[in-house]
Amino acid sequence: MCTQFFNRYELWNNRWLQGDALNLPFANEVFDAVTVGYGLRNVTNIPRALDEIFRVVKKGYEMFNSCFQSEILKKQLSIF
């Protein structure tokens, strides 16, 4: 199943890395979009993680999050 997924979306040539959501190892404004799958609810500092996300995404582009359970997250996103 995983092999089919990787083949379908041509993911074999991607570079996968593990990093710190509060200190992303990327330059400013390098991504067209950022997706987060239930990750923000698990960080120790949601405002800092959001700052990092919006730092690395290009201005005028988007951030997608699949979990809005946290009231802190809702409040932080309302300021962007």
PDB file of N, CA and C in Angstrom:
ATOM      1  N   MET A   1       0.822  -1.188   0.000  1.00  0.00           N
ATOM      2  CA  MET A   1       0.000   0.000   0.000  1.00  0.00           C
ATOM      3  C   MET A   1       0.874   1.263   0.000  1.00  0.00           C
ATOM      4  N   CYS A   2       1.855   1.318   0.861  1.00  0.00           N
ATOM      5  CA  CYS A   2       2.745   2.480   0.922  1.00  0.00           C
ATOM      6  C   CYS A   2       3.499   2.659  -0.396  1.00  0.00           C
ATOM      7  N   THR A   3       3.958   1.566  -0.972  1.00  0.00           N
ATOM      8  CA  THR A   3       4.679   1.636  -2.242  1.00  0.00           C
ATOM      9  C   THR A   3       3.782   2.197  -3.337  1.00  0.00           C
ATOM     10  N   GLN A   4       2.529   1.773  -3.365  1.00  0.00           N
ATOM     11  CA  GLN A   4       1.584   2.299  -4.359  1.00  0.00           C
ATOM     12  C   GLN A   4       1.382   3.800  -4.170  1.00  0.00           C
ATOM     13  N   PHE A   5       1.245   4.223  -2.942  1.00  0.00           N
ATOM     14  CA  PHE A   5       1.066   5.651  -2.640  1.00  0.00           C
ATOM     15  C   PHE A   5       2.277   6.453  -3.105  1.00  0.00           C
ATOM     16  N   PHE A   6       3.471   5.978  -2.766  1.00  0.00           N
ATOM     17  CA  PHE A   6       4.700   6.680  -3.157  1.00  0.00           C
ATOM     18  C   PHE A   6       4.850   6.716  -4.676  1.00  0.00           C
ATOM     19  N   ASN A   7       4.514   5.622  -5.337  1.00  0.00           N
ATOM     20  CA  ASN A   7       4.590   5.588  -6.795  1.00  0.00           C
ATOM     21  C   ASN A   7       3.568   6.532  -7.425  1.00  0.00           C
ATOM     22  N   ARG A   8       2.366   6.511  -6.907  1.00  0.00           N
ATOM     23  CA  ARG A   8       1.291   7.342  -7.467  1.00  0.00           C
ATOM     24  C   ARG A   8       1.636   8.822  -7.394  1.00  0.00           C
ATOM     25  N   TYR A   9       2.180   9.256  -6.292  1.00  0.00           N
ATOM     26  CA  TYR A   9       2.464  10.679  -6.092  1.00  0.00           C
ATOM     27  C   TYR A   9       3.936  11.037  -6.289  1.00  0.00           C
ATOM     28  N   GLU A  10       4.693  10.092  -6.837  1.00  0.00           N
ATOM     29  CA  GLU A  10       6.110  10.319  -7.146  1.00  0.00           C
ATOM     30  C   GLU A  10       6.876  10.892  -5.949  1.00  0.00           C
ATOM     31  N   LEU A  11       6.759  10.220  -4.824  1.00  0.00           N
ATOM     32  CA  LEU A  11       7.369  10.701  -3.581  1.00  0.00           C
ATOM     33  C   LEU A  11       8.750  10.131  -3.307  1.00  0.00           C
ATOM     34  N   TRP A  12       9.226   9.212  -4.128  1.00  0.00           N
ATOM     35  CA  TRP A  12      10.514   8.568  -3.849  1.00  0.00           C
ATOM     36  C   TRP A  12      11.669   9.546  -3.856  1.00  0.00           C
ATOM     37  N   ASN A  13      11.587  10.602  -4.634  1.00  0.00           N
ATOM     38  CA  ASN A  13      12.704  11.535  -4.743  1.00  0.00           C
ATOM     39  C   ASN A  13      12.630  12.693  -3.756  1.00  0.00           C
ATOM     40  N   ASN A  14      11.628  12.696  -2.897  1.00  0.00           N
ATOM     41  CA  ASN A  14      11.540  13.739  -1.879  1.00  0.00           C
ATOM     42  C   ASN A  14      12.541  13.503  -0.766  1.00  0.00           C
ATOM     43  N   ARG A  15      12.923  14.556  -0.136  1.00  0.00           N
ATOM     44  CA  ARG A  15      13.824  14.471   1.017  1.00  0.00           C
ATOM     45  C   ARG A  15      12.985  14.615   2.278  1.00  0.00           C
ATOM     46  N   TRP A  16      13.001  13.612   3.114  1.00  0.00           N
ATOM     47  CA  TRP A  16      12.245  13.623   4.364  1.00  0.00           C
ATOM     48  C   TRP A  16      13.182  13.977   5.496  1.00  0.00           C
ATOM     49  N   LEU A  17      12.724  14.837   6.408  1.00  0.00           N
ATOM     50  CA  LEU A  17      13.556  15.164   7.557  1.00  0.00           C
ATOM     51  C   LEU A  17      12.710  15.365   8.789  1.00  0.00           C
ATOM     52  N   GLN A  18      13.349  15.218   9.901  1.00  0.00           N
ATOM     53  CA  GLN A  18      12.701  15.412  11.187  1.00  0.00           C
ATOM     54  C   GLN A  18      13.232  16.711  11.759  1.00  0.00           C
ATOM     55  N   GLY A  19      12.345  17.528  12.302  1.00  0.00           N
ATOM     56  CA  GLY A  19      12.788  18.808  12.831  1.00  0.00           C
ATOM     57  C   GLY A  19      11.965  19.247  14.027  1.00  0.00           C
ATOM     58  N   ASP A  20      12.236  20.432  14.480  1.00  0.00           N
ATOM     59  CA  ASP A  20      11.581  21.031  15.633  1.00  0.00           C
ATOM     60  C   ASP A  20      10.551  22.039  15.133  1.00  0.00           C
ATOM     61  N   ALA A  21       9.284  21.836  15.450  1.00  0.00           N
ATOM     62  CA  ALA A  21       8.209  22.722  14.989  1.00  0.00           C
ATOM     63  C   ALA A  21       8.365  24.142  15.515  1.00  0.00           C
ATOM     64  N   LEU A  22       9.135  24.311  16.575  1.00  0.00           N
ATOM     65  CA  LEU A  22       9.343  25.639  17.146  1.00  0.00           C
ATOM     66  C   LEU A  22      10.581  26.325  16.592  1.00  0.00           C
ATOM     67  N   ASN A  23      11.316  25.617  15.753  1.00  0.00           N
ATOM     68  CA  ASN A  23      12.531  26.162  15.150  1.00  0.00           C
ATOM     69  C   ASN A  23      12.768  25.437  13.818  1.00  0.00           C
ATOM     70  N   LEU A  24      11.935  25.745  12.826  1.00  0.00           N
ATOM     71  CA  LEU A  24      12.000  25.035  11.543  1.00  0.00           C
ATOM     72  C   LEU A  24      13.311  25.332  10.815  1.00  0.00           C
ATOM     73  N   PRO A  25      13.932  24.305  10.241  1.00  0.00           N
ATOM     74  CA  PRO A  25      15.242  24.470   9.597  1.00  0.00           C
ATOM     75  C   PRO A  25      15.150  24.954   8.145  1.00  0.00           C
ATOM     76  N   PHE A  26      14.366  26.015   7.921  1.00  0.00           N
ATOM     77  CA  PHE A  26      14.182  26.550   6.577  1.00  0.00           C
ATOM     78  C   PHE A  26      14.315  28.068   6.588  1.00  0.00           C
ATOM     79  N   ALA A  27      14.655  28.614   5.432  1.00  0.00           N
ATOM     80  CA  ALA A  27      14.730  30.070   5.287  1.00  0.00           C
ATOM     81  C   ALA A  27      13.315  30.657   5.296  1.00  0.00           C
ATOM     82  N   ASN A  28      13.224  31.958   5.382  1.00  0.00           N
ATOM     83  CA  ASN A  28      11.939  32.652   5.350  1.00  0.00           C
ATOM     84  C   ASN A  28      11.286  32.534   3.975  1.00  0.00           C
ATOM     85  N   GLU A  29       9.977  32.406   3.972  1.00  0.00           N
ATOM     86  CA  GLU A  29       9.154  32.458   2.757  1.00  0.00           C
ATOM     87  C   GLU A  29       9.637  31.542   1.629  1.00  0.00           C
ATOM     88  N   VAL A  30       9.767  30.256   1.932  1.00  0.00           N
ATOM     89  CA  VAL A  30      10.227  29.311   0.911  1.00  0.00           C
ATOM     90  C   VAL A  30       9.145  28.349   0.422  1.00  0.00           C
ATOM     91  N   PHE A  31       8.016  28.269   1.100  1.00  0.00           N
ATOM     92  CA  PHE A  31       6.985  27.302   0.738  1.00  0.00           C
ATOM     93  C   PHE A  31       5.717  27.990   0.237  1.00  0.00           C
ATOM     94  N   ASP A  32       5.065  27.361  -0.751  1.00  0.00           N
ATOM     95  CA  ASP A  32       3.785  27.863  -1.255  1.00  0.00           C
ATOM     96  C   ASP A  32       2.647  27.536  -0.293  1.00  0.00           C
ATOM     97  N   ALA A  33       2.800  26.468   0.450  1.00  0.00           N
ATOM     98  CA  ALA A  33       1.771  26.050   1.400  1.00  0.00           C
ATOM     99  C   ALA A  33       2.423  25.247   2.521  1.00  0.00           C
ATOM    100  N   VAL A  34       1.778  25.238   3.659  1.00  0.00           N
ATOM    101  CA  VAL A  34       2.200  24.412   4.786  1.00  0.00           C
ATOM    102  C   VAL A  34       0.965  23.660   5.253  1.00  0.00           C
ATOM    103  N   THR A  35       1.097  22.358   5.454  1.00  0.00           N
ATOM    104  CA  THR A  35      -0.005  21.565   5.989  1.00  0.00           C
ATOM    105  C   THR A  35       0.403  21.012   7.348  1.00  0.00           C
ATOM    106  N   VAL A  36      -0.576  20.934   8.236  1.00  0.00           N
ATOM    107  CA  VAL A  36      -0.328  20.396   9.575  1.00  0.00           C
ATOM    108  C   VAL A  36      -1.455  19.426   9.879  1.00  0.00           C
ATOM    109  N   GLY A  37      -1.112  18.186  10.146  1.00  0.00           N
ATOM    110  CA  GLY A  37      -2.115  17.172  10.464  1.00  0.00           C
ATOM    111  C   GLY A  37      -2.091  16.847  11.946  1.00  0.00           C
ATOM    112  N   TYR A  38      -2.914  17.491  12.712  1.00  0.00           N
ATOM    113  CA  TYR A  38      -3.031  17.270  14.155  1.00  0.00           C
ATOM    114  C   TYR A  38      -1.732  17.535  14.904  1.00  0.00           C
ATOM    115  N   GLY A  39      -0.860  18.331  14.335  1.00  0.00           N
ATOM    116  CA  GLY A  39       0.427  18.589  14.972  1.00  0.00           C
ATOM    117  C   GLY A  39       0.406  19.744  15.956  1.00  0.00           C
ATOM    118  N   LEU A  40      -0.355  20.779  15.665  1.00  0.00           N
ATOM    119  CA  LEU A  40      -0.318  21.968  16.521  1.00  0.00           C
ATOM    120  C   LEU A  40      -0.839  21.696  17.924  1.00  0.00           C
ATOM    121  N   ARG A  41      -1.758  20.780  18.056  1.00  0.00           N
ATOM    122  CA  ARG A  41      -2.282  20.481  19.399  1.00  0.00           C
ATOM    123  C   ARG A  41      -1.244  19.792  20.274  1.00  0.00           C
ATOM    124  N   ASN A  42      -0.152  19.328  19.662  1.00  0.00           N
ATOM    125  CA  ASN A  42       0.862  18.585  20.402  1.00  0.00           C
ATOM    126  C   ASN A  42       2.137  19.363  20.676  1.00  0.00           C
ATOM    127  N   VAL A  43       2.226  20.607  20.241  1.00  0.00           N
ATOM    128  CA  VAL A  43       3.440  21.378  20.507  1.00  0.00           C
ATOM    129  C   VAL A  43       3.332  22.051  21.871  1.00  0.00           C
ATOM    130  N   THR A  44       4.457  22.392  22.434  1.00  0.00           N
ATOM    131  CA  THR A  44       4.473  23.018  23.762  1.00  0.00           C
ATOM    132  C   THR A  44       4.199  24.510  23.712  1.00  0.00           C
ATOM    133  N   ASN A  45       4.325  25.112  22.521  1.00  0.00           N
ATOM    134  CA  ASN A  45       4.139  26.555  22.394  1.00  0.00           C
ATOM    135  C   ASN A  45       3.462  26.842  21.047  1.00  0.00           C
ATOM    136  N   ILE A  46       2.133  26.833  21.052  1.00  0.00           N
ATOM    137  CA  ILE A  46       1.374  27.015  19.815  1.00  0.00           C
ATOM    138  C   ILE A  46       1.676  28.352  19.143  1.00  0.00           C
ATOM    139  N   PRO A  47       1.715  29.467  19.864  1.00  0.00           N
ATOM    140  CA  PRO A  47       2.037  30.734  19.196  1.00  0.00           C
ATOM    141  C   PRO A  47       3.388  30.709  18.484  1.00  0.00           C
ATOM    142  N   ARG A  48       4.383  30.101  19.100  1.00  0.00           N
ATOM    143  CA  ARG A  48       5.715  30.013  18.477  1.00  0.00           C
ATOM    144  C   ARG A  48       5.675  29.128  17.231  1.00  0.00           C
ATOM    145  N   ALA A  49       4.956  28.004  17.300  1.00  0.00           N
ATOM    146  CA  ALA A  49       4.836  27.119  16.140  1.00  0.00           C
ATOM    147  C   ALA A  49       4.140  27.843  14.991  1.00  0.00           C
ATOM    148  N   LEU A  50       3.094  28.611  15.287  1.00  0.00           N
ATOM    149  CA  LEU A  50       2.410  29.379  14.249  1.00  0.00           C
ATOM    150  C   LEU A  50       3.328  30.438  13.650  1.00  0.00           C
ATOM    151  N   ASP A  51       4.101  31.093  14.493  1.00  0.00           N
ATOM    152  CA  ASP A  51       5.077  32.066  13.988  1.00  0.00           C
ATOM    153  C   ASP A  51       6.030  31.406  12.995  1.00  0.00           C
ATOM    154  N   GLU A  52       6.494  30.207  13.319  1.00  0.00           N
ATOM    155  CA  GLU A  52       7.410  29.484  12.439  1.00  0.00           C
ATOM    156  C   GLU A  52       6.734  29.103  11.126  1.00  0.00           C
ATOM    157  N   ILE A  53       5.494  28.649  11.215  1.00  0.00           N
ATOM    158  CA  ILE A  53       4.763  28.274  10.005  1.00  0.00           C
ATOM    159  C   ILE A  53       4.623  29.477   9.087  1.00  0.00           C
ATOM    160  N   PHE A  54       4.176  30.591   9.633  1.00  0.00           N
ATOM    161  CA  PHE A  54       3.961  31.770   8.799  1.00  0.00           C
ATOM    162  C   PHE A  54       5.268  32.427   8.375  1.00  0.00           C
ATOM    163  N   ARG A  55       6.348  32.114   9.049  1.00  0.00           N
ATOM    164  CA  ARG A  55       7.667  32.605   8.632  1.00  0.00           C
ATOM    165  C   ARG A  55       8.134  31.887   7.366  1.00  0.00           C
ATOM    166  N   VAL A  56       7.904  30.574   7.284  1.00  0.00           N
ATOM    167  CA  VAL A  56       8.434  29.808   6.156  1.00  0.00           C
ATOM    168  C   VAL A  56       7.508  29.764   4.943  1.00  0.00           C
ATOM    169  N   VAL A  57       6.232  30.093   5.132  1.00  0.00           N
ATOM    170  CA  VAL A  57       5.311  30.105   3.992  1.00  0.00           C
ATOM    171  C   VAL A  57       5.399  31.474   3.312  1.00  0.00           C
ATOM    172  N   LYS A  58       5.351  31.454   1.979  1.00  0.00           N
ATOM    173  CA  LYS A  58       5.440  32.705   1.224  1.00  0.00           C
ATOM    174  C   LYS A  58       4.247  33.604   1.545  1.00  0.00           C
ATOM    175  N   LYS A  59       4.480  34.893   1.559  1.00  0.00           N
ATOM    176  CA  LYS A  59       3.400  35.849   1.815  1.00  0.00           C
ATOM    177  C   LYS A  59       2.318  35.688   0.754  1.00  0.00           C
ATOM    178  N   GLY A  60       1.083  35.687   1.195  1.00  0.00           N
ATOM    179  CA  GLY A  60      -0.034  35.531   0.272  1.00  0.00           C
ATOM    180  C   GLY A  60      -0.394  34.088  -0.021  1.00  0.00           C
ATOM    181  N   TYR A  61       0.363  33.139   0.546  1.00  0.00           N
ATOM    182  CA  TYR A  61       0.063  31.720   0.339  1.00  0.00           C
ATOM    183  C   TYR A  61      -0.638  31.178   1.571  1.00  0.00           C
ATOM    184  N   GLU A  62      -0.768  29.867   1.691  1.00  0.00           N
ATOM    185  CA  GLU A  62      -1.665  29.328   2.691  1.00  0.00           C
ATOM    186  C   GLU A  62      -1.042  28.332   3.646  1.00  0.00           C
ATOM    187  N   MET A  63      -1.723  28.206   4.800  1.00  0.00           N
ATOM    188  CA  MET A  63      -1.414  27.212   5.812  1.00  0.00           C
ATOM    189  C   MET A  63      -2.694  26.428   6.051  1.00  0.00           C
ATOM    190  N   PHE A  64      -2.603  25.098   6.066  1.00  0.00           N
ATOM    191  CA  PHE A  64      -3.762  24.246   6.302  1.00  0.00           C
ATOM    192  C   PHE A  64      -3.520  23.438   7.570  1.00  0.00           C
ATOM    193  N   ASN A  65      -4.526  23.406   8.436  1.00  0.00           N
ATOM    194  CA  ASN A  65      -4.442  22.646   9.672  1.00  0.00           C
ATOM    195  C   ASN A  65      -5.695  21.791   9.788  1.00  0.00           C
ATOM    196  N   SER A  66      -5.541  20.553  10.186  1.00  0.00           N
ATOM    197  CA  SER A  66      -6.687  19.653  10.249  1.00  0.00           C
ATOM    198  C   SER A  66      -7.288  19.533  11.646  1.00  0.00           C
ATOM    199  N   CYS A  67      -6.819  20.295  12.596  1.00  0.00           N
ATOM    200  CA  CYS A  67      -7.321  20.177  13.963  1.00  0.00           C
ATOM    201  C   CYS A  67      -7.471  21.556  14.589  1.00  0.00           C
ATOM    202  N   PHE A  68      -8.699  21.915  14.928  1.00  0.00           N
ATOM    203  CA  PHE A  68      -8.950  23.208  15.564  1.00  0.00           C
ATOM    204  C   PHE A  68      -9.628  23.024  16.911  1.00  0.00           C
ATOM    205  N   GLN A  69      -9.252  22.005  17.634  1.00  0.00           N
ATOM    206  CA  GLN A  69      -9.885  21.714  18.917  1.00  0.00           C
ATOM    207  C   GLN A  69      -9.459  22.671  20.016  1.00  0.00           C
ATOM    208  N   SER A  70      -8.286  23.174  19.937  1.00  0.00           N
ATOM    209  CA  SER A  70      -7.735  24.000  21.003  1.00  0.00           C
ATOM    210  C   SER A  70      -8.252  25.431  20.915  1.00  0.00           C
ATOM    211  N   GLU A  71      -8.751  25.961  22.018  1.00  0.00           N
ATOM    212  CA  GLU A  71      -9.195  27.358  22.067  1.00  0.00           C
ATOM    213  C   GLU A  71      -8.008  28.297  21.859  1.00  0.00           C
ATOM    214  N   ILE A  72      -6.838  27.903  22.344  1.00  0.00           N
ATOM    215  CA  ILE A  72      -5.645  28.721  22.136  1.00  0.00           C
ATOM    216  C   ILE A  72      -5.339  28.813  20.653  1.00  0.00           C
ATOM    217  N   LEU A  73      -5.449  27.703  19.954  1.00  0.00           N
ATOM    218  CA  LEU A  73      -5.185  27.685  18.519  1.00  0.00           C
ATOM    219  C   LEU A  73      -6.177  28.573  17.784  1.00  0.00           C
ATOM    220  N   LYS A  74      -7.454  28.484  18.130  1.00  0.00           N
ATOM    221  CA  LYS A  74      -8.474  29.322  17.502  1.00  0.00           C
ATOM    222  C   LYS A  74      -8.148  30.804  17.707  1.00  0.00           C
ATOM    223  N   LYS A  75      -7.764  31.159  18.918  1.00  0.00           N
ATOM    224  CA  LYS A  75      -7.440  32.550  19.236  1.00  0.00           C
ATOM    225  C   LYS A  75      -6.214  33.009  18.449  1.00  0.00           C
ATOM    226  N   GLN A  76      -5.180  32.179  18.381  1.00  0.00           N
ATOM    227  CA  GLN A  76      -3.962  32.551  17.670  1.00  0.00           C
ATOM    228  C   GLN A  76      -4.222  32.711  16.183  1.00  0.00           C
ATOM    229  N   LEU A  77      -4.990  31.820  15.590  1.00  0.00           N
ATOM    230  CA  LEU A  77      -5.271  31.905  14.160  1.00  0.00           C
ATOM    231  C   LEU A  77      -6.120  33.113  13.808  1.00  0.00           C
ATOM    232  N   SER A  78      -6.895  33.602  14.743  1.00  0.00           N
ATOM    233  CA  SER A  78      -7.757  34.750  14.453  1.00  0.00           C
ATOM    234  C   SER A  78      -6.941  36.033  14.248  1.00  0.00           C
ATOM    235  N   ILE A  79      -5.677  36.045  14.697  1.00  0.00           N
ATOM    236  CA  ILE A  79      -4.879  37.260  14.534  1.00  0.00           C
ATOM    237  C   ILE A  79      -4.165  37.299  13.199  1.00  0.00           C
ATOM    238  N   PHE A  80      -4.160  36.201  12.455  1.00  0.00           N
ATOM    239  CA  PHE A  80      -3.467  36.163  11.164  1.00  0.00           C
ATOM    240  C   PHE A  80      -4.421  36.516  10.049  1.00  0.00           C
TER     241      PHE A  80
END
